[in-house]
Amino acid sequence: MRVTVLYRGLAEWRRLQTALAGASLVRNAQLDALSRDGARMTVMYRGATDQLVSELAERGATLEETPELGWVVLSTR
C-alpha cells in the first residue's frame, strides 16, 4: 500500500513513522520520498485494512482514504 504521511514538524513525523513501522500488522514500511510537511511510504502489511486502521488508531495515527491523495496517515494527537 502506498501512503502519504502528513505532518506539521519533525516530532510529529517521527511519531507517525514510529506508529507505522512499529505496528504489529506492518511487515515493512519503506520511505520513498520526504518533504518538510509530508512523506510517501510503501507499507507492506498482513490482515485486513480495517485491522490496520484500528491498530494505527491505538498508536495515535489515523489511516484514511481520500480522493485527492489516496491513503493518508495523520496524527490523532
PDB file of N, CA and C in Angstrom:
ATOM      1  N   MET A   1       0.850  -1.168   0.000  1.00  0.00           N
ATOM      2  CA  MET A   1       0.000   0.000   0.000  1.00  0.00           C
ATOM      3  C   MET A   1       0.894   1.229   0.000  1.00  0.00           C
ATOM      4  N   ARG A   2       0.614   2.178  -0.898  1.00  0.00           N
ATOM      5  CA  ARG A   2       1.334   3.465  -0.885  1.00  0.00           C
ATOM      6  C   ARG A   2       0.530   4.435  -0.032  1.00  0.00           C
ATOM      7  N   VAL A   3       1.202   5.102   0.898  1.00  0.00           N
ATOM      8  CA  VAL A   3       0.536   6.061   1.770  1.00  0.00           C
ATOM      9  C   VAL A   3       1.270   7.398   1.729  1.00  0.00           C
ATOM     10  N   THR A   4       0.512   8.446   1.955  1.00  0.00           N
ATOM     11  CA  THR A   4       1.058   9.783   2.146  1.00  0.00           C
ATOM     12  C   THR A   4       0.948  10.096   3.631  1.00  0.00           C
ATOM     13  N   VAL A   5       2.033  10.471   4.245  1.00  0.00           N
ATOM     14  CA  VAL A   5       2.053  10.815   5.666  1.00  0.00           C
ATOM     15  C   VAL A   5       2.155  12.337   5.755  1.00  0.00           C
ATOM     16  N   LEU A   6       1.154  12.960   6.385  1.00  0.00           N
ATOM     17  CA  LEU A   6       1.140  14.418   6.525  1.00  0.00           C
ATOM     18  C   LEU A   6       1.435  14.795   7.975  1.00  0.00           C
ATOM     19  N   TYR A   7       2.291  15.783   8.162  1.00  0.00           N
ATOM     20  CA  TYR A   7       2.711  16.188   9.499  1.00  0.00           C
ATOM     21  C   TYR A   7       3.064  17.665   9.502  1.00  0.00           C
ATOM     22  N   ARG A   8       3.181  18.223  10.732  1.00  0.00           N
ATOM     23  CA  ARG A   8       3.471  19.647  10.897  1.00  0.00           C
ATOM     24  C   ARG A   8       4.868  19.921  11.415  1.00  0.00           C
ATOM     25  N   GLY A   9       5.662  18.909  11.572  1.00  0.00           N
ATOM     26  CA  GLY A   9       7.020  19.112  12.069  1.00  0.00           C
ATOM     27  C   GLY A   9       7.733  17.799  12.269  1.00  0.00           C
ATOM     28  N   LEU A  10       9.007  17.905  12.601  1.00  0.00           N
ATOM     29  CA  LEU A  10       9.854  16.734  12.753  1.00  0.00           C
ATOM     30  C   LEU A  10       9.359  15.792  13.852  1.00  0.00           C
ATOM     31  N   ALA A  11       8.939  16.339  14.976  1.00  0.00           N
ATOM     32  CA  ALA A  11       8.475  15.486  16.081  1.00  0.00           C
ATOM     33  C   ALA A  11       7.235  14.695  15.672  1.00  0.00           C
ATOM     34  N   GLU A  12       6.310  15.340  14.977  1.00  0.00           N
ATOM     35  CA  GLU A  12       5.100  14.642  14.529  1.00  0.00           C
ATOM     36  C   GLU A  12       5.449  13.586  13.477  1.00  0.00           C
ATOM     37  N   TRP A  13       6.371  13.902  12.571  1.00  0.00           N
ATOM     38  CA  TRP A  13       6.819  12.928  11.573  1.00  0.00           C
ATOM     39  C   TRP A  13       7.387  11.687  12.265  1.00  0.00           C
ATOM     40  N   ARG A  14       8.225  11.890  13.264  1.00  0.00           N
ATOM     41  CA  ARG A  14       8.831  10.753  13.963  1.00  0.00           C
ATOM     42  C   ARG A  14       7.773   9.900  14.672  1.00  0.00           C
ATOM     43  N   ARG A  15       6.763  10.540  15.278  1.00  0.00           N
ATOM     44  CA  ARG A  15       5.687   9.786  15.932  1.00  0.00           C
ATOM     45  C   ARG A  15       4.918   8.937  14.916  1.00  0.00           C
ATOM     46  N   LEU A  16       4.596   9.528  13.767  1.00  0.00           N
ATOM     47  CA  LEU A  16       3.840   8.802  12.745  1.00  0.00           C
ATOM     48  C   LEU A  16       4.679   7.680  12.133  1.00  0.00           C
ATOM     49  N   GLN A  17       5.937   7.945  11.889  1.00  0.00           N
ATOM     50  CA  GLN A  17       6.831   6.925  11.340  1.00  0.00           C
ATOM     51  C   GLN A  17       6.954   5.751  12.321  1.00  0.00           C
ATOM     52  N   THR A  18       7.079   6.054  13.596  1.00  0.00           N
ATOM     53  CA  THR A  18       7.162   5.022  14.621  1.00  0.00           C
ATOM     54  C   THR A  18       5.860   4.233  14.715  1.00  0.00           C
ATOM     55  N   ALA A  19       4.723   4.924  14.614  1.00  0.00           N
ATOM     56  CA  ALA A  19       3.424   4.239  14.653  1.00  0.00           C
ATOM     57  C   ALA A  19       3.300   3.255  13.505  1.00  0.00           C
ATOM     58  N   LEU A  20       3.692   3.670  12.317  1.00  0.00           N
ATOM     59  CA  LEU A  20       3.604   2.791  11.144  1.00  0.00           C
ATOM     60  C   LEU A  20       4.591   1.632  11.242  1.00  0.00           C
ATOM     61  N   ALA A  21       5.839   1.945  11.460  1.00  0.00           N
ATOM     62  CA  ALA A  21       6.884   0.914  11.454  1.00  0.00           C
ATOM     63  C   ALA A  21       6.736  -0.047  12.626  1.00  0.00           C
ATOM     64  N   GLY A  22       6.175   0.414  13.731  1.00  0.00           N
ATOM     65  CA  GLY A  22       6.067  -0.420  14.916  1.00  0.00           C
ATOM     66  C   GLY A  22       4.771  -1.198  15.034  1.00  0.00           C
ATOM     67  N   ALA A  23       3.840  -0.979  14.129  1.00  0.00           N
ATOM     68  CA  ALA A  23       2.562  -1.697  14.189  1.00  0.00           C
ATOM     69  C   ALA A  23       2.796  -3.185  13.942  1.00  0.00           C
ATOM     70  N   SER A  24       2.147  -4.029  14.723  1.00  0.00           N
ATOM     71  CA  SER A  24       2.373  -5.475  14.617  1.00  0.00           C
ATOM     72  C   SER A  24       1.925  -6.042  13.268  1.00  0.00           C
ATOM     73  N   LEU A  25       0.966  -5.411  12.614  1.00  0.00           N
ATOM     74  CA  LEU A  25       0.495  -5.885  11.313  1.00  0.00           C
ATOM     75  C   LEU A  25       1.410  -5.468  10.162  1.00  0.00           C
ATOM     76  N   VAL A  26       2.273  -4.498  10.399  1.00  0.00           N
ATOM     77  CA  VAL A  26       3.147  -3.986   9.338  1.00  0.00           C
ATOM     78  C   VAL A  26       4.399  -4.857   9.252  1.00  0.00           C
ATOM     79  N   ARG A  27       4.618  -5.401   8.061  1.00  0.00           N
ATOM     80  CA  ARG A  27       5.815  -6.222   7.835  1.00  0.00           C
ATOM     81  C   ARG A  27       6.993  -5.373   7.390  1.00  0.00           C
ATOM     82  N   ASN A  28       6.702  -4.300   6.642  1.00  0.00           N
ATOM     83  CA  ASN A  28       7.763  -3.430   6.142  1.00  0.00           C
ATOM     84  C   ASN A  28       7.164  -2.052   5.856  1.00  0.00           C
ATOM     85  N   ALA A  29       7.869  -1.010   6.239  1.00  0.00           N
ATOM     86  CA  ALA A  29       7.465   0.369   5.949  1.00  0.00           C
ATOM     87  C   ALA A  29       8.679   1.075   5.359  1.00  0.00           C
ATOM     88  N   GLN A  30       8.620   1.333   4.063  1.00  0.00           N
ATOM     89  CA  GLN A  30       9.759   1.921   3.353  1.00  0.00           C
ATOM     90  C   GLN A  30       9.469   3.372   3.001  1.00  0.00           C
ATOM     91  N   LEU A  31      10.406   4.246   3.307  1.00  0.00           N
ATOM     92  CA  LEU A  31      10.302   5.655   2.955  1.00  0.00           C
ATOM     93  C   LEU A  31      10.680   5.840   1.492  1.00  0.00           C
ATOM     94  N   ASP A  32       9.776   6.415   0.706  1.00  0.00           N
ATOM     95  CA  ASP A  32      10.019   6.631  -0.723  1.00  0.00           C
ATOM     96  C   ASP A  32      10.383   8.079  -1.034  1.00  0.00           C
ATOM     97  N   ALA A  33       9.794   9.028  -0.320  1.00  0.00           N
ATOM     98  CA  ALA A  33      10.071  10.452  -0.548  1.00  0.00           C
ATOM     99  C   ALA A  33       9.740  11.211   0.726  1.00  0.00           C
ATOM    100  N   LEU A  34      10.447  12.320   0.944  1.00  0.00           N
ATOM    101  CA  LEU A  34      10.280  13.104   2.170  1.00  0.00           C
ATOM    102  C   LEU A  34      10.354  14.586   1.837  1.00  0.00           C
ATOM    103  N   SER A  35       9.432  15.361   2.419  1.00  0.00           N
ATOM    104  CA  SER A  35       9.494  16.818   2.305  1.00  0.00           C
ATOM    105  C   SER A  35       9.289  17.398   3.699  1.00  0.00           C
ATOM    106  N   ARG A  36       9.215  18.707   3.815  1.00  0.00           N
ATOM    107  CA  ARG A  36       9.108  19.293   5.147  1.00  0.00           C
ATOM    108  C   ARG A  36       7.744  19.123   5.797  1.00  0.00           C
ATOM    109  N   ASP A  37       6.712  18.760   5.020  1.00  0.00           N
ATOM    110  CA  ASP A  37       5.380  18.581   5.604  1.00  0.00           C
ATOM    111  C   ASP A  37       4.677  17.288   5.187  1.00  0.00           C
ATOM    112  N   GLY A  38       5.390  16.411   4.492  1.00  0.00           N
ATOM    113  CA  GLY A  38       4.778  15.151   4.092  1.00  0.00           C
ATOM    114  C   GLY A  38       5.803  14.151   3.600  1.00  0.00           C
ATOM    115  N   ALA A  39       5.379  12.908   3.559  1.00  0.00           N
ATOM    116  CA  ALA A  39       6.242  11.827   3.084  1.00  0.00           C
ATOM    117  C   ALA A  39       5.401  10.821   2.316  1.00  0.00           C
ATOM    118  N   ARG A  40       6.044  10.110   1.402  1.00  0.00           N
ATOM    119  CA  ARG A  40       5.411   8.984   0.715  1.00  0.00           C
ATOM    120  C   ARG A  40       6.105   7.732   1.207  1.00  0.00           C
ATOM    121  N   MET A  41       5.300   6.728   1.549  1.00  0.00           N
ATOM    122  CA  MET A  41       5.840   5.474   2.039  1.00  0.00           C
ATOM    123  C   MET A  41       5.130   4.311   1.354  1.00  0.00           C
ATOM    124  N   THR A  42       5.835   3.206   1.238  1.00  0.00           N
ATOM    125  CA  THR A  42       5.238   1.956   0.811  1.00  0.00           C
ATOM    126  C   THR A  42       5.165   1.070   2.042  1.00  0.00           C
ATOM    127  N   VAL A  43       3.952   0.635   2.379  1.00  0.00           N
ATOM    128  CA  VAL A  43       3.722  -0.143   3.584  1.00  0.00           C
ATOM    129  C   VAL A  43       3.219  -1.532   3.196  1.00  0.00           C
ATOM    130  N   MET A  44       3.923  -2.546   3.632  1.00  0.00           N
ATOM    131  CA  MET A  44       3.500  -3.936   3.440  1.00  0.00           C
ATOM    132  C   MET A  44       2.925  -4.401   4.776  1.00  0.00           C
ATOM    133  N   TYR A  45       1.703  -4.918   4.753  1.00  0.00           N
ATOM    134  CA  TYR A  45       1.072  -5.354   5.995  1.00  0.00           C
ATOM    135  C   TYR A  45       0.295  -6.639   5.768  1.00  0.00           C
ATOM    136  N   ARG A  46      -0.031  -7.297   6.859  1.00  0.00           N
ATOM    137  CA  ARG A  46      -0.840  -8.502   6.783  1.00  0.00           C
ATOM    138  C   ARG A  46      -2.184  -8.208   7.449  1.00  0.00           C
ATOM    139  N   GLY A  47      -3.185  -8.996   7.097  1.00  0.00           N
ATOM    140  CA  GLY A  47      -4.513  -8.776   7.653  1.00  0.00           C
ATOM    141  C   GLY A  47      -5.315  -7.834   6.773  1.00  0.00           C
ATOM    142  N   ALA A  48      -6.460  -7.450   7.270  1.00  0.00           N
ATOM    143  CA  ALA A  48      -7.367  -6.560   6.542  1.00  0.00           C
ATOM    144  C   ALA A  48      -7.017  -5.093   6.827  1.00  0.00           C
ATOM    145  N   THR A  49      -7.385  -4.242   5.899  1.00  0.00           N
ATOM    146  CA  THR A  49      -7.098  -2.810   6.051  1.00  0.00           C
ATOM    147  C   THR A  49      -7.767  -2.247   7.301  1.00  0.00           C
ATOM    148  N   ASP A  50      -8.999  -2.667   7.595  1.00  0.00           N
ATOM    149  CA  ASP A  50      -9.674  -2.143   8.783  1.00  0.00           C
ATOM    150  C   ASP A  50      -8.952  -2.536  10.068  1.00  0.00           C
ATOM    151  N   GLN A  51      -8.256  -3.683  10.059  1.00  0.00           N
ATOM    152  CA  GLN A  51      -7.439  -4.059  11.221  1.00  0.00           C
ATOM    153  C   GLN A  51      -6.258  -3.104  11.371  1.00  0.00           C
ATOM    154  N   LEU A  52      -5.642  -2.749  10.251  1.00  0.00           N
ATOM    155  CA  LEU A  52      -4.527  -1.808  10.288  1.00  0.00           C
ATOM    156  C   LEU A  52      -5.007  -0.437  10.759  1.00  0.00           C
ATOM    157  N   VAL A  53      -6.160  -0.002  10.269  1.00  0.00           N
ATOM    158  CA  VAL A  53      -6.743   1.276  10.707  1.00  0.00           C
ATOM    159  C   VAL A  53      -6.913   1.278  12.225  1.00  0.00           C
ATOM    160  N   SER A  54      -7.452   0.197  12.775  1.00  0.00           N
ATOM    161  CA  SER A  54      -7.674   0.099  14.228  1.00  0.00           C
ATOM    162  C   SER A  54      -6.365   0.122  15.009  1.00  0.00           C
ATOM    163  N   GLU A  55      -5.382  -0.643  14.531  1.00  0.00           N
ATOM    164  CA  GLU A  55      -4.115  -0.686  15.248  1.00  0.00           C
ATOM    165  C   GLU A  55      -3.416   0.673  15.216  1.00  0.00           C
ATOM    166  N   LEU A  56      -3.430   1.330  14.067  1.00  0.00           N
ATOM    167  CA  LEU A  56      -2.798   2.655  13.991  1.00  0.00           C
ATOM    168  C   LEU A  56      -3.524   3.658  14.873  1.00  0.00           C
ATOM    169  N   ALA A  57      -4.847   3.562  14.968  1.00  0.00           N
ATOM    170  CA  ALA A  57      -5.606   4.458  15.849  1.00  0.00           C
ATOM    171  C   ALA A  57      -5.155   4.294  17.297  1.00  0.00           C
ATOM    172  N   GLU A  58      -4.892   3.062  17.701  1.00  0.00           N
ATOM    173  CA  GLU A  58      -4.388   2.809  19.059  1.00  0.00           C
ATOM    174  C   GLU A  58      -3.003   3.409  19.259  1.00  0.00           C
ATOM    175  N   ARG A  59      -2.269   3.590  18.177  1.00  0.00           N
ATOM    176  CA  ARG A  59      -0.911   4.130  18.242  1.00  0.00           C
ATOM    177  C   ARG A  59      -0.873   5.635  17.957  1.00  0.00           C
ATOM    178  N   GLY A  60      -2.058   6.286  17.868  1.00  0.00           N
ATOM    179  CA  GLY A  60      -2.120   7.737  17.697  1.00  0.00           C
ATOM    180  C   GLY A  60      -2.092   8.226  16.266  1.00  0.00           C
ATOM    181  N   ALA A  61      -2.432   7.345  15.310  1.00  0.00           N
ATOM    182  CA  ALA A  61      -2.414   7.730  13.896  1.00  0.00           C
ATOM    183  C   ALA A  61      -3.738   7.354  13.231  1.00  0.00           C
ATOM    184  N   THR A  62      -4.168   8.178  12.307  1.00  0.00           N
ATOM    185  CA  THR A  62      -5.368   7.911  11.526  1.00  0.00           C
ATOM    186  C   THR A  62      -4.949   7.505  10.123  1.00  0.00           C
ATOM    187  N   LEU A  63      -5.522   6.422   9.623  1.00  0.00           N
ATOM    188  CA  LEU A  63      -5.313   5.990   8.243  1.00  0.00           C
ATOM    189  C   LEU A  63      -6.654   6.104   7.542  1.00  0.00           C
ATOM    190  N   GLU A  64      -6.705   6.944   6.510  1.00  0.00           N
ATOM    191  CA  GLU A  64      -7.956   7.137   5.778  1.00  0.00           C
ATOM    192  C   GLU A  64      -7.674   7.294   4.292  1.00  0.00           C
ATOM    193  N   GLU A  65      -8.662   6.954   3.485  1.00  0.00           N
ATOM    194  CA  GLU A  65      -8.524   7.072   2.035  1.00  0.00           C
ATOM    195  C   GLU A  65      -9.209   8.349   1.574  1.00  0.00           C
ATOM    196  N   THR A  66      -8.471   9.146   0.779  1.00  0.00           N
ATOM    197  CA  THR A  66      -9.022  10.392   0.253  1.00  0.00           C
ATOM    198  C   THR A  66      -8.991  10.359  -1.273  1.00  0.00           C
ATOM    199  N   PRO A  67      -9.916  11.068  -1.922  1.00  0.00           N
ATOM    200  CA  PRO A  67      -9.909  11.088  -3.387  1.00  0.00           C
ATOM    201  C   PRO A  67      -8.664  11.765  -3.971  1.00  0.00           C
ATOM    202  N   GLU A  68      -8.124  12.756  -3.266  1.00  0.00           N
ATOM    203  CA  GLU A  68      -7.002  13.529  -3.783  1.00  0.00           C
ATOM    204  C   GLU A  68      -5.662  12.814  -3.650  1.00  0.00           C
ATOM    205  N   LEU A  69      -5.422  12.196  -2.492  1.00  0.00           N
ATOM    206  CA  LEU A  69      -4.102  11.641  -2.188  1.00  0.00           C
ATOM    207  C   LEU A  69      -4.078  10.129  -2.030  1.00  0.00           C
ATOM    208  N   GLY A  70      -5.207   9.482  -2.078  1.00  0.00           N
ATOM    209  CA  GLY A  70      -5.241   8.047  -1.803  1.00  0.00           C
ATOM    210  C   GLY A  70      -5.191   7.828  -0.299  1.00  0.00           C
ATOM    211  N   TRP A  71      -4.431   6.829   0.139  1.00  0.00           N
ATOM    212  CA  TRP A  71      -4.328   6.541   1.569  1.00  0.00           C
ATOM    213  C   TRP A  71      -3.428   7.562   2.250  1.00  0.00           C
ATOM    214  N   VAL A  72      -3.943   8.132   3.356  1.00  0.00           N
ATOM    215  CA  VAL A  72      -3.243   9.198   4.086  1.00  0.00           C
ATOM    216  C   VAL A  72      -3.136   8.813   5.555  1.00  0.00           C
ATOM    217  N   VAL A  73      -1.985   9.080   6.134  1.00  0.00           N
ATOM    218  CA  VAL A  73      -1.763   8.878   7.565  1.00  0.00           C
ATOM    219  C   VAL A  73      -1.601  10.253   8.209  1.00  0.00           C
ATOM    220  N   LEU A  74      -2.385  10.487   9.259  1.00  0.00           N
ATOM    221  CA  LEU A  74      -2.365  11.754  10.007  1.00  0.00           C
ATOM    222  C   LEU A  74      -2.253  11.461  11.497  1.00  0.00           C
ATOM    223  N   SER A  75      -1.794  12.433  12.237  1.00  0.00           N
ATOM    224  CA  SER A  75      -1.715  12.300  13.683  1.00  0.00           C
ATOM    225  C   SER A  75      -3.095  12.555  14.295  1.00  0.00           C
ATOM    226  N   THR A  76      -3.464  11.763  15.306  1.00  0.00           N
ATOM    227  CA  THR A  76      -4.722  11.999  16.025  1.00  0.00           C
ATOM    228  C   THR A  76      -4.482  12.781  17.309  1.00  0.00           C
ATOM    229  N   ARG A  77      -3.230  13.052  17.625  1.00  0.00           N
ATOM    230  CA  ARG A  77      -2.898  13.760  18.876  1.00  0.00           C
ATOM    231  C   ARG A  77      -2.663  15.212  18.635  1.00  0.00           C
TER     232      ARG A  77
END
